[in-house]
Amino acid sequence: MTNKDERLMATLIYVSSFFTTFIGPLIIWLLKKDESSYVDYHGREYFNFLISYTIYGIVSGILVIVLIGAIALFVIGILAFIFTIIAAVKAYEGERYQIPLVIRFIK
């Protein structure tokens, strides 16, 4: 069972990503990962998400030459926004949410 502070910190990882894509979530994760396995889980999940969707964005950017990449970039942007909001809500509710289409680089 997680307490309210752990849920709030896990939620802040996702919410701070709207303002500082990398630095805010990294600071929260590094400060709290040793204190809470719940915050550590969501920090790892966020950075796996960030790495995966960055790779998808780069591949789509290259595919812009073929025109399918423009559509893929739009879809990836929408999915990233929606999945970030869902993950923040699930983190606040105390659930261990796995974001779809994420490659697990950090275990």
PDB file of N, CA and C in Angstrom:
ATOM      1  N   MET A   1       0.841  -1.184   0.000  1.00  0.00           N
ATOM      2  CA  MET A   1       0.000   0.000   0.000  1.00  0.00           C
ATOM      3  C   MET A   1       0.885   1.246   0.000  1.00  0.00           C
ATOM      4  N   THR A   2       0.507   2.228  -0.786  1.00  0.00           N
ATOM      5  CA  THR A   2       1.296   3.455  -0.881  1.00  0.00           C
ATOM      6  C   THR A   2       0.635   4.567  -0.071  1.00  0.00           C
ATOM      7  N   ASN A   3       1.458   5.465   0.442  1.00  0.00           N
ATOM      8  CA  ASN A   3       0.878   6.590   1.164  1.00  0.00           C
ATOM      9  C   ASN A   3       0.685   7.776   0.211  1.00  0.00           C
ATOM     10  N   LYS A   4       0.067   8.805   0.709  1.00  0.00           N
ATOM     11  CA  LYS A   4      -0.288   9.947  -0.131  1.00  0.00           C
ATOM     12  C   LYS A   4       0.939  10.669  -0.689  1.00  0.00           C
ATOM     13  N   ASP A   5       2.001  10.771   0.100  1.00  0.00           N
ATOM     14  CA  ASP A   5       3.222  11.443  -0.362  1.00  0.00           C
ATOM     15  C   ASP A   5       3.864  10.700  -1.529  1.00  0.00           C
ATOM     16  N   GLU A   6       3.893   9.373  -1.444  1.00  0.00           N
ATOM     17  CA  GLU A   6       4.456   8.581  -2.538  1.00  0.00           C
ATOM     18  C   GLU A   6       3.633   8.748  -3.815  1.00  0.00           C
ATOM     19  N   ARG A   7       2.327   8.723  -3.664  1.00  0.00           N
ATOM     20  CA  ARG A   7       1.450   8.898  -4.830  1.00  0.00           C
ATOM     21  C   ARG A   7       1.623  10.284  -5.433  1.00  0.00           C
ATOM     22  N   LEU A   8       1.768  11.297  -4.593  1.00  0.00           N
ATOM     23  CA  LEU A   8       1.952  12.660  -5.078  1.00  0.00           C
ATOM     24  C   LEU A   8       3.282  12.805  -5.827  1.00  0.00           C
ATOM     25  N   MET A   9       4.343  12.244  -5.296  1.00  0.00           N
ATOM     26  CA  MET A   9       5.650  12.327  -5.968  1.00  0.00           C
ATOM     27  C   MET A   9       5.632  11.586  -7.307  1.00  0.00           C
ATOM     28  N   ALA A  10       4.998  10.424  -7.344  1.00  0.00           N
ATOM     29  CA  ALA A  10       4.888   9.666  -8.595  1.00  0.00           C
ATOM     30  C   ALA A  10       4.082  10.458  -9.620  1.00  0.00           C
ATOM     31  N   THR A  11       3.027  11.106  -9.174  1.00  0.00           N
ATOM     32  CA  THR A  11       2.209  11.932 -10.075  1.00  0.00           C
ATOM     33  C   THR A  11       3.014  13.126 -10.576  1.00  0.00           C
ATOM     34  N   LEU A  12       3.808  13.726  -9.713  1.00  0.00           N
ATOM     35  CA  LEU A  12       4.617  14.885 -10.100  1.00  0.00           C
ATOM     36  C   LEU A  12       5.661  14.535 -11.154  1.00  0.00           C
ATOM     37  N   ILE A  13       6.097  13.284 -11.191  1.00  0.00           N
ATOM     38  CA  ILE A  13       7.025  12.872 -12.244  1.00  0.00           C
ATOM     39  C   ILE A  13       6.383  13.113 -13.604  1.00  0.00           C
ATOM     40  N   TYR A  14       5.135  12.705 -13.748  1.00  0.00           N
ATOM     41  CA  TYR A  14       4.443  12.857 -15.030  1.00  0.00           C
ATOM     42  C   TYR A  14       4.013  14.297 -15.290  1.00  0.00           C
ATOM     43  N   VAL A  15       3.482  14.958 -14.278  1.00  0.00           N
ATOM     44  CA  VAL A  15       2.984  16.328 -14.462  1.00  0.00           C
ATOM     45  C   VAL A  15       4.135  17.289 -14.757  1.00  0.00           C
ATOM     46  N   SER A  16       5.259  17.123 -14.068  1.00  0.00           N
ATOM     47  CA  SER A  16       6.397  18.014 -14.315  1.00  0.00           C
ATOM     48  C   SER A  16       6.975  17.822 -15.713  1.00  0.00           C
ATOM     49  N   SER A  17       6.689  16.688 -16.335  1.00  0.00           N
ATOM     50  CA  SER A  17       7.209  16.448 -17.683  1.00  0.00           C
ATOM     51  C   SER A  17       6.572  17.378 -18.715  1.00  0.00           C
ATOM     52  N   PHE A  18       5.411  17.940 -18.411  1.00  0.00           N
ATOM     53  CA  PHE A  18       4.793  18.908 -19.328  1.00  0.00           C
ATOM     54  C   PHE A  18       5.573  20.219 -19.359  1.00  0.00           C
ATOM     55  N   PHE A  19       6.278  20.529 -18.272  1.00  0.00           N
ATOM     56  CA  PHE A  19       7.010  21.783 -18.180  1.00  0.00           C
ATOM     57  C   PHE A  19       8.509  21.600 -18.429  1.00  0.00           C
ATOM     58  N   THR A  20       9.054  20.521 -17.903  1.00  0.00           N
ATOM     59  CA  THR A  20      10.455  20.189 -18.123  1.00  0.00           C
ATOM     60  C   THR A  20      10.503  18.714 -18.492  1.00  0.00           C
ATOM     61  N   THR A  21      10.637  18.444 -19.741  1.00  0.00           N
ATOM     62  CA  THR A  21      10.530  17.077 -20.236  1.00  0.00           C
ATOM     63  C   THR A  21      11.453  16.107 -19.512  1.00  0.00           C
ATOM     64  N   PHE A  22      12.650  16.525 -19.209  1.00  0.00           N
ATOM     65  CA  PHE A  22      13.660  15.608 -18.688  1.00  0.00           C
ATOM     66  C   PHE A  22      14.106  15.944 -17.265  1.00  0.00           C
ATOM     67  N   ILE A  23      14.393  17.195 -17.007  1.00  0.00           N
ATOM     68  CA  ILE A  23      15.031  17.596 -15.746  1.00  0.00           C
ATOM     69  C   ILE A  23      14.121  17.416 -14.529  1.00  0.00           C
ATOM     70  N   GLY A  24      12.886  17.906 -14.607  1.00  0.00           N
ATOM     71  CA  GLY A  24      11.964  17.803 -13.470  1.00  0.00           C
ATOM     72  C   GLY A  24      11.728  16.364 -13.027  1.00  0.00           C
ATOM     73  N   PRO A  25      11.308  15.491 -13.952  1.00  0.00           N
ATOM     74  CA  PRO A  25      11.105  14.088 -13.567  1.00  0.00           C
ATOM     75  C   PRO A  25      12.385  13.419 -13.057  1.00  0.00           C
ATOM     76  N   LEU A  26      13.527  13.765 -13.652  1.00  0.00           N
ATOM     77  CA  LEU A  26      14.795  13.169 -13.228  1.00  0.00           C
ATOM     78  C   LEU A  26      15.131  13.564 -11.793  1.00  0.00           C
ATOM     79  N   ILE A  27      14.943  14.826 -11.450  1.00  0.00           N
ATOM     80  CA  ILE A  27      15.246  15.293 -10.092  1.00  0.00           C
ATOM     81  C   ILE A  27      14.348  14.588  -9.078  1.00  0.00           C
ATOM     82  N   ILE A  28      13.044  14.536  -9.368  1.00  0.00           N
ATOM     83  CA  ILE A  28      12.112  13.881  -8.444  1.00  0.00           C
ATOM     84  C   ILE A  28      12.476  12.406  -8.282  1.00  0.00           C
ATOM     85  N   TRP A  29      12.740  11.748  -9.396  1.00  0.00           N
ATOM     86  CA  TRP A  29      13.059  10.317  -9.354  1.00  0.00           C
ATOM     87  C   TRP A  29      14.343  10.056  -8.571  1.00  0.00           C
ATOM     88  N   LEU A  30      15.395  10.827  -8.849  1.00  0.00           N
ATOM     89  CA  LEU A  30      16.669  10.609  -8.165  1.00  0.00           C
ATOM     90  C   LEU A  30      16.586  10.891  -6.664  1.00  0.00           C
ATOM     91  N   LEU A  31      15.777  11.882  -6.279  1.00  0.00           N
ATOM     92  CA  LEU A  31      15.653  12.208  -4.862  1.00  0.00           C
ATOM     93  C   LEU A  31      14.826  11.195  -4.084  1.00  0.00           C
ATOM     94  N   LYS A  32      13.844  10.580  -4.733  1.00  0.00           N
ATOM     95  CA  LYS A  32      12.889   9.740  -4.013  1.00  0.00           C
ATOM     96  C   LYS A  32      12.961   8.248  -4.303  1.00  0.00           C
ATOM     97  N   LYS A  33      13.771   7.834  -5.280  1.00  0.00           N
ATOM     98  CA  LYS A  33      13.759   6.424  -5.677  1.00  0.00           C
ATOM     99  C   LYS A  33      14.240   5.482  -4.579  1.00  0.00           C
ATOM    100  N   ASP A  34      15.151   5.931  -3.730  1.00  0.00           N
ATOM    101  CA  ASP A  34      15.653   5.070  -2.655  1.00  0.00           C
ATOM    102  C   ASP A  34      14.682   4.999  -1.477  1.00  0.00           C
ATOM    103  N   GLU A  35      13.834   6.008  -1.339  1.00  0.00           N
ATOM    104  CA  GLU A  35      12.878   6.047  -0.244  1.00  0.00           C
ATOM    105  C   GLU A  35      11.606   5.265  -0.546  1.00  0.00           C
ATOM    106  N   SER A  36      11.252   5.161  -1.838  1.00  0.00           N
ATOM    107  CA  SER A  36       9.970   4.563  -2.196  1.00  0.00           C
ATOM    108  C   SER A  36      10.092   3.722  -3.462  1.00  0.00           C
ATOM    109  N   SER A  37       9.734   2.460  -3.358  1.00  0.00           N
ATOM    110  CA  SER A  37       9.748   1.604  -4.547  1.00  0.00           C
ATOM    111  C   SER A  37       8.655   2.028  -5.527  1.00  0.00           C
ATOM    112  N   TYR A  38       7.596   2.634  -5.020  1.00  0.00           N
ATOM    113  CA  TYR A  38       6.500   3.106  -5.870  1.00  0.00           C
ATOM    114  C   TYR A  38       6.966   4.264  -6.760  1.00  0.00           C
ATOM    115  N   VAL A  39       7.657   5.223  -6.188  1.00  0.00           N
ATOM    116  CA  VAL A  39       8.198   6.348  -6.957  1.00  0.00           C
ATOM    117  C   VAL A  39       9.275   5.845  -7.912  1.00  0.00           C
ATOM    118  N   ASP A  40      10.079   4.887  -7.470  1.00  0.00           N
ATOM    119  CA  ASP A  40      11.100   4.304  -8.332  1.00  0.00           C
ATOM    120  C   ASP A  40      10.457   3.630  -9.549  1.00  0.00           C
ATOM    121  N   TYR A  41       9.381   2.892  -9.327  1.00  0.00           N
ATOM    122  CA  TYR A  41       8.684   2.231 -10.439  1.00  0.00           C
ATOM    123  C   TYR A  41       8.205   3.262 -11.461  1.00  0.00           C
ATOM    124  N   HIS A  42       7.548   4.308 -10.999  1.00  0.00           N
ATOM    125  CA  HIS A  42       7.003   5.312 -11.923  1.00  0.00           C
ATOM    126  C   HIS A  42       8.111   6.137 -12.580  1.00  0.00           C
ATOM    127  N   GLY A  43       9.214   6.345 -11.895  1.00  0.00           N
ATOM    128  CA  GLY A  43      10.350   7.019 -12.521  1.00  0.00           C
ATOM    129  C   GLY A  43      10.930   6.190 -13.650  1.00  0.00           C
ATOM    130  N   ARG A  44      11.118   4.897 -13.391  1.00  0.00           N
ATOM    131  CA  ARG A  44      11.617   4.012 -14.453  1.00  0.00           C
ATOM    132  C   ARG A  44      10.620   3.937 -15.606  1.00  0.00           C
ATOM    133  N   GLU A  45       9.347   3.863 -15.281  1.00  0.00           N
ATOM    134  CA  GLU A  45       8.310   3.789 -16.321  1.00  0.00           C
ATOM    135  C   GLU A  45       8.318   5.057 -17.177  1.00  0.00           C
ATOM    136  N   TYR A  46       8.457   6.222 -16.535  1.00  0.00           N
ATOM    137  CA  TYR A  46       8.478   7.465 -17.298  1.00  0.00           C
ATOM    138  C   TYR A  46       9.689   7.541 -18.223  1.00  0.00           C
ATOM    139  N   PHE A  47      10.860   7.175 -17.725  1.00  0.00           N
ATOM    140  CA  PHE A  47      12.051   7.287 -18.568  1.00  0.00           C
ATOM    141  C   PHE A  47      12.076   6.235 -19.674  1.00  0.00           C
ATOM    142  N   ASN A  48      11.515   5.062 -19.427  1.00  0.00           N
ATOM    143  CA  ASN A  48      11.339   4.100 -20.519  1.00  0.00           C
ATOM    144  C   ASN A  48      10.392   4.671 -21.573  1.00  0.00           C
ATOM    145  N   PHE A  49       9.333   5.318 -21.121  1.00  0.00           N
ATOM    146  CA  PHE A  49       8.372   5.972 -22.004  1.00  0.00           C
ATOM    147  C   PHE A  49       9.053   7.071 -22.815  1.00  0.00           C
ATOM    148  N   LEU A  50       9.832   7.899 -22.164  1.00  0.00           N
ATOM    149  CA  LEU A  50      10.515   9.003 -22.832  1.00  0.00           C
ATOM    150  C   LEU A  50      11.490   8.494 -23.891  1.00  0.00           C
ATOM    151  N   ILE A  51      12.275   7.495 -23.551  1.00  0.00           N
ATOM    152  CA  ILE A  51      13.237   6.937 -24.503  1.00  0.00           C
ATOM    153  C   ILE A  51      12.515   6.298 -25.683  1.00  0.00           C
ATOM    154  N   SER A  52      11.490   5.500 -25.401  1.00  0.00           N
ATOM    155  CA  SER A  52      10.755   4.805 -26.466  1.00  0.00           C
ATOM    156  C   SER A  52      10.096   5.784 -27.425  1.00  0.00           C
ATOM    157  N   TYR A  53       9.398   6.762 -26.883  1.00  0.00           N
ATOM    158  CA  TYR A  53       8.682   7.693 -27.753  1.00  0.00           C
ATOM    159  C   TYR A  53       9.634   8.657 -28.466  1.00  0.00           C
ATOM    160  N   THR A  54      10.812   8.889 -27.909  1.00  0.00           N
ATOM    161  CA  THR A  54      11.831   9.665 -28.626  1.00  0.00           C
ATOM    162  C   THR A  54      12.322   8.881 -29.838  1.00  0.00           C
ATOM    163  N   ILE A  55      12.547   7.594 -29.651  1.00  0.00           N
ATOM    164  CA  ILE A  55      12.946   6.745 -30.785  1.00  0.00           C
ATOM    165  C   ILE A  55      11.860   6.740 -31.847  1.00  0.00           C
ATOM    166  N   TYR A  56      10.614   6.581 -31.433  1.00  0.00           N
ATOM    167  CA  TYR A  56       9.499   6.596 -32.391  1.00  0.00           C
ATOM    168  C   TYR A  56       9.432   7.930 -33.125  1.00  0.00           C
ATOM    169  N   GLY A  57       9.689   9.020 -32.423  1.00  0.00           N
ATOM    170  CA  GLY A  57       9.670  10.346 -33.042  1.00  0.00           C
ATOM    171  C   GLY A  57      10.789  10.528 -34.057  1.00  0.00           C
ATOM    172  N   ILE A  58      11.969  10.025 -33.731  1.00  0.00           N
ATOM    173  CA  ILE A  58      13.101  10.131 -34.660  1.00  0.00           C
ATOM    174  C   ILE A  58      12.830   9.330 -35.927  1.00  0.00           C
ATOM    175  N   VAL A  59      12.329   8.107 -35.759  1.00  0.00           N
ATOM    176  CA  VAL A  59      12.008   7.276 -36.922  1.00  0.00           C
ATOM    177  C   VAL A  59      10.925   7.946 -37.762  1.00  0.00           C
ATOM    178  N   SER A  60       9.916   8.503 -37.110  1.00  0.00           N
ATOM    179  CA  SER A  60       8.851   9.198 -37.840  1.00  0.00           C
ATOM    180  C   SER A  60       9.382  10.440 -38.540  1.00  0.00           C
ATOM    181  N   GLY A  61      10.310  11.140 -37.884  1.00  0.00           N
ATOM    182  CA  GLY A  61      10.924  12.314 -38.504  1.00  0.00           C
ATOM    183  C   GLY A  61      11.672  11.950 -39.774  1.00  0.00           C
ATOM    184  N   ILE A  62      12.345  10.831 -39.760  1.00  0.00           N
ATOM    185  CA  ILE A  62      13.032  10.359 -40.961  1.00  0.00           C
ATOM    186  C   ILE A  62      12.020   9.971 -42.037  1.00  0.00           C
ATOM    187  N   LEU A  63      10.903   9.382 -41.616  1.00  0.00           N
ATOM    188  CA  LEU A  63       9.874   8.944 -42.567  1.00  0.00           C
ATOM    189  C   LEU A  63       9.034  10.093 -43.135  1.00  0.00           C
ATOM    190  N   VAL A  64       9.272  11.301 -42.658  1.00  0.00           N
ATOM    191  CA  VAL A  64       8.566  12.457 -43.224  1.00  0.00           C
ATOM    192  C   VAL A  64       8.879  12.576 -44.715  1.00  0.00           C
ATOM    193  N   ILE A  65      10.045  12.122 -45.100  1.00  0.00           N
ATOM    194  CA  ILE A  65      10.439  12.136 -46.514  1.00  0.00           C
ATOM    195  C   ILE A  65       9.439  11.342 -47.351  1.00  0.00           C
ATOM    196  N   VAL A  66       8.905  10.280 -46.785  1.00  0.00           N
ATOM    197  CA  VAL A  66       7.953   9.412 -47.490  1.00  0.00           C
ATOM    198  C   VAL A  66       6.508   9.867 -47.228  1.00  0.00           C
ATOM    199  N   LEU A  67       6.318  10.918 -46.476  1.00  0.00           N
ATOM    200  CA  LEU A  67       5.029  11.521 -46.112  1.00  0.00           C
ATOM    201  C   LEU A  67       4.259  10.777 -45.029  1.00  0.00           C
ATOM    202  N   ILE A  68       4.486   9.495 -44.831  1.00  0.00           N
ATOM    203  CA  ILE A  68       3.795   8.775 -43.764  1.00  0.00           C
ATOM    204  C   ILE A  68       4.287   9.246 -42.395  1.00  0.00           C
ATOM    205  N   GLY A  69       5.502   9.769 -42.347  1.00  0.00           N
ATOM    206  CA  GLY A  69       6.087  10.230 -41.096  1.00  0.00           C
ATOM    207  C   GLY A  69       5.346  11.397 -40.483  1.00  0.00           C
ATOM    208  N   ALA A  70       4.770  12.265 -41.299  1.00  0.00           N
ATOM    209  CA  ALA A  70       4.029  13.415 -40.773  1.00  0.00           C
ATOM    210  C   ALA A  70       2.811  12.940 -39.987  1.00  0.00           C
ATOM    211  N   ILE A  71       2.138  11.953 -40.513  1.00  0.00           N
ATOM    212  CA  ILE A  71       0.976  11.399 -39.815  1.00  0.00           C
ATOM    213  C   ILE A  71       1.435  10.690 -38.543  1.00  0.00           C
ATOM    214  N   ALA A  72       2.516   9.924 -38.653  1.00  0.00           N
ATOM    215  CA  ALA A  72       3.040   9.206 -37.491  1.00  0.00           C
ATOM    216  C   ALA A  72       3.479  10.175 -36.391  1.00  0.00           C
ATOM    217  N   LEU A  73       4.119  11.283 -36.758  1.00  0.00           N
ATOM    218  CA  LEU A  73       4.525  12.282 -35.764  1.00  0.00           C
ATOM    219  C   LEU A  73       3.320  12.856 -35.027  1.00  0.00           C
ATOM    220  N   PHE A  74       2.269  13.133 -35.764  1.00  0.00           N
ATOM    221  CA  PHE A  74       1.045  13.653 -35.155  1.00  0.00           C
ATOM    222  C   PHE A  74       0.454  12.635 -34.182  1.00  0.00           C
ATOM    223  N   VAL A  75       0.360  11.390 -34.606  1.00  0.00           N
ATOM    224  CA  VAL A  75      -0.211  10.336 -33.764  1.00  0.00           C
ATOM    225  C   VAL A  75       0.653  10.103 -32.525  1.00  0.00           C
ATOM    226  N   ILE A  76       1.961  10.077 -32.690  1.00  0.00           N
ATOM    227  CA  ILE A  76       2.867   9.874 -31.559  1.00  0.00           C
ATOM    228  C   ILE A  76       2.730  11.017 -30.553  1.00  0.00           C
ATOM    229  N   GLY A  77       2.620  12.246 -31.034  1.00  0.00           N
ATOM    230  CA  GLY A  77       2.440  13.392 -30.142  1.00  0.00           C
ATOM    231  C   GLY A  77       1.158  13.299 -29.338  1.00  0.00           C
ATOM    232  N   ILE A  78       0.066  12.937 -29.997  1.00  0.00           N
ATOM    233  CA  ILE A  78      -1.221  12.790 -29.309  1.00  0.00           C
ATOM    234  C   ILE A  78      -1.153  11.655 -28.287  1.00  0.00           C
ATOM    235  N   LEU A  79      -0.595  10.513 -28.699  1.00  0.00           N
ATOM    236  CA  LEU A  79      -0.491   9.370 -27.787  1.00  0.00           C
ATOM    237  C   LEU A  79       0.370   9.704 -26.571  1.00  0.00           C
ATOM    238  N   ALA A  80       1.483  10.380 -26.782  1.00  0.00           N
ATOM    239  CA  ALA A  80       2.358  10.747 -25.670  1.00  0.00           C
ATOM    240  C   ALA A  80       1.628  11.648 -24.674  1.00  0.00           C
ATOM    241  N   PHE A  81       0.866  12.603 -25.183  1.00  0.00           N
ATOM    242  CA  PHE A  81       0.109  13.510 -24.316  1.00  0.00           C
ATOM    243  C   PHE A  81      -0.951  12.746 -23.520  1.00  0.00           C
ATOM    244  N   ILE A  82      -1.715  11.906 -24.199  1.00  0.00           N
ATOM    245  CA  ILE A  82      -2.795  11.156 -23.550  1.00  0.00           C
ATOM    246  C   ILE A  82      -2.237  10.167 -22.535  1.00  0.00           C
ATOM    247  N   PHE A  83      -1.195   9.421 -22.922  1.00  0.00           N
ATOM    248  CA  PHE A  83      -0.642   8.424 -22.005  1.00  0.00           C
ATOM    249  C   PHE A  83       0.013   9.067 -20.785  1.00  0.00           C
ATOM    250  N   THR A  84       0.556  10.267 -20.928  1.00  0.00           N
ATOM    251  CA  THR A  84       1.130  10.968 -19.786  1.00  0.00           C
ATOM    252  C   THR A  84       0.040  11.347 -18.787  1.00  0.00           C
ATOM    253  N   ILE A  85      -1.081  11.828 -19.290  1.00  0.00           N
ATOM    254  CA  ILE A  85      -2.197  12.188 -18.414  1.00  0.00           C
ATOM    255  C   ILE A  85      -2.753  10.951 -17.710  1.00  0.00           C
ATOM    256  N   ILE A  86      -2.944   9.870 -18.464  1.00  0.00           N
ATOM    257  CA  ILE A  86      -3.459   8.634 -17.873  1.00  0.00           C
ATOM    258  C   ILE A  86      -2.503   8.119 -16.804  1.00  0.00           C
ATOM    259  N   ALA A  87      -1.196   8.134 -17.097  1.00  0.00           N
ATOM    260  CA  ALA A  87      -0.207   7.648 -16.132  1.00  0.00           C
ATOM    261  C   ALA A  87      -0.210   8.501 -14.862  1.00  0.00           C
ATOM    262  N   ALA A  88      -0.370   9.808 -15.007  1.00  0.00           N
ATOM    263  CA  ALA A  88      -0.414  10.689 -13.835  1.00  0.00           C
ATOM    264  C   ALA A  88      -1.631  10.376 -12.968  1.00  0.00           C
ATOM    265  N   VAL A  89      -2.771  10.170 -13.588  1.00  0.00           N
ATOM    266  CA  VAL A  89      -3.992   9.848 -12.844  1.00  0.00           C
ATOM    267  C   VAL A  89      -3.852   8.495 -12.147  1.00  0.00           C
ATOM    268  N   LYS A  90      -3.337   7.503 -12.863  1.00  0.00           N
ATOM    269  CA  LYS A  90      -3.163   6.171 -12.280  1.00  0.00           C
ATOM    270  C   LYS A  90      -2.150   6.209 -11.133  1.00  0.00           C
ATOM    271  N   ALA A  91      -1.085   6.989 -11.288  1.00  0.00           N
ATOM    272  CA  ALA A  91      -0.090   7.110 -10.214  1.00  0.00           C
ATOM    273  C   ALA A  91      -0.722   7.722  -8.972  1.00  0.00           C
ATOM    274  N   TYR A  92      -1.572   8.709  -9.152  1.00  0.00           N
ATOM    275  CA  TYR A  92      -2.227   9.337  -7.999  1.00  0.00           C
ATOM    276  C   TYR A  92      -3.222   8.396  -7.335  1.00  0.00           C
ATOM    277  N   GLU A  93      -3.812   7.504  -8.128  1.00  0.00           N
ATOM    278  CA  GLU A  93      -4.752   6.526  -7.578  1.00  0.00           C
ATOM    279  C   GLU A  93      -4.044   5.365  -6.894  1.00  0.00           C
ATOM    280  N   GLY A  94      -2.717   5.285  -7.025  1.00  0.00           N
ATOM    281  CA  GLY A  94      -1.961   4.244  -6.361  1.00  0.00           C
ATOM    282  C   GLY A  94      -1.750   3.000  -7.199  1.00  0.00           C
ATOM    283  N   GLU A  95      -1.961   3.082  -8.507  1.00  0.00           N
ATOM    284  CA  GLU A  95      -1.805   1.929  -9.390  1.00  0.00           C
ATOM    285  C   GLU A  95      -0.436   1.944 -10.073  1.00  0.00           C
ATOM    286  N   ARG A  96       0.046   0.768 -10.390  1.00  0.00           N
ATOM    287  CA  ARG A  96       1.293   0.622 -11.154  1.00  0.00           C
ATOM    288  C   ARG A  96       0.907   0.454 -12.621  1.00  0.00           C
ATOM    289  N   TYR A  97       0.819   1.550 -13.324  1.00  0.00           N
ATOM    290  CA  TYR A  97       0.357   1.583 -14.709  1.00  0.00           C
ATOM    291  C   TYR A  97       1.535   1.404 -15.663  1.00  0.00           C
ATOM    292  N   GLN A  98       1.353   0.520 -16.652  1.00  0.00           N
ATOM    293  CA  GLN A  98       2.363   0.350 -17.691  1.00  0.00           C
ATOM    294  C   GLN A  98       1.866   1.052 -18.949  1.00  0.00           C
ATOM    295  N   ILE A  99       2.628   2.005 -19.416  1.00  0.00           N
ATOM    296  CA  ILE A  99       2.255   2.776 -20.600  1.00  0.00           C
ATOM    297  C   ILE A  99       2.386   1.880 -21.827  1.00  0.00           C
ATOM    298  N   PRO A 100       1.368   1.866 -22.696  1.00  0.00           N
ATOM    299  CA  PRO A 100       1.420   1.011 -23.897  1.00  0.00           C
ATOM    300  C   PRO A 100       2.543   1.424 -24.850  1.00  0.00           C
ATOM    301  N   LEU A 101       3.048   0.458 -25.576  1.00  0.00           N
ATOM    302  CA  LEU A 101       4.057   0.620 -26.627  1.00  0.00           C
ATOM    303  C   LEU A 101       5.427   1.060 -26.098  1.00  0.00           C
ATOM    304  N   VAL A 102       5.688   0.820 -24.834  1.00  0.00           N
ATOM    305  CA  VAL A 102       6.960   1.235 -24.231  1.00  0.00           C
ATOM    306  C   VAL A 102       7.922   0.057 -24.199  1.00  0.00           C
ATOM    307  N   ILE A 103       9.145   0.320 -24.650  1.00  0.00           N
ATOM    308  CA  ILE A 103      10.213  -0.671 -24.589  1.00  0.00           C
ATOM    309  C   ILE A 103      10.876  -0.505 -23.226  1.00  0.00           C
ATOM    310  N   ARG A 104      11.032  -1.572 -22.487  1.00  0.00           N
ATOM    311  CA  ARG A 104      11.587  -1.518 -21.136  1.00  0.00           C
ATOM    312  C   ARG A 104      13.125  -1.544 -21.175  1.00  0.00           C
ATOM    313  N   PHE A 105      13.728  -0.374 -21.293  1.00  0.00           N
ATOM    314  CA  PHE A 105      15.182  -0.244 -21.310  1.00  0.00           C
ATOM    315  C   PHE A 105      15.727  -0.283 -19.875  1.00  0.00           C
ATOM    316  N   ILE A 106      15.073   0.427 -18.962  1.00  0.00           N
ATOM    317  CA  ILE A 106      15.491   0.517 -17.558  1.00  0.00           C
ATOM    318  C   ILE A 106      14.640  -0.459 -16.766  1.00  0.00           C
ATOM    319  N   LYS A 107      15.280  -1.425 -16.155  1.00  0.00           N
ATOM    320  CA  LYS A 107      14.507  -2.451 -15.420  1.00  0.00           C
ATOM    321  C   LYS A 107      14.657  -2.313 -13.937  1.00  0.00           C
TER     322      LYS A 107
END
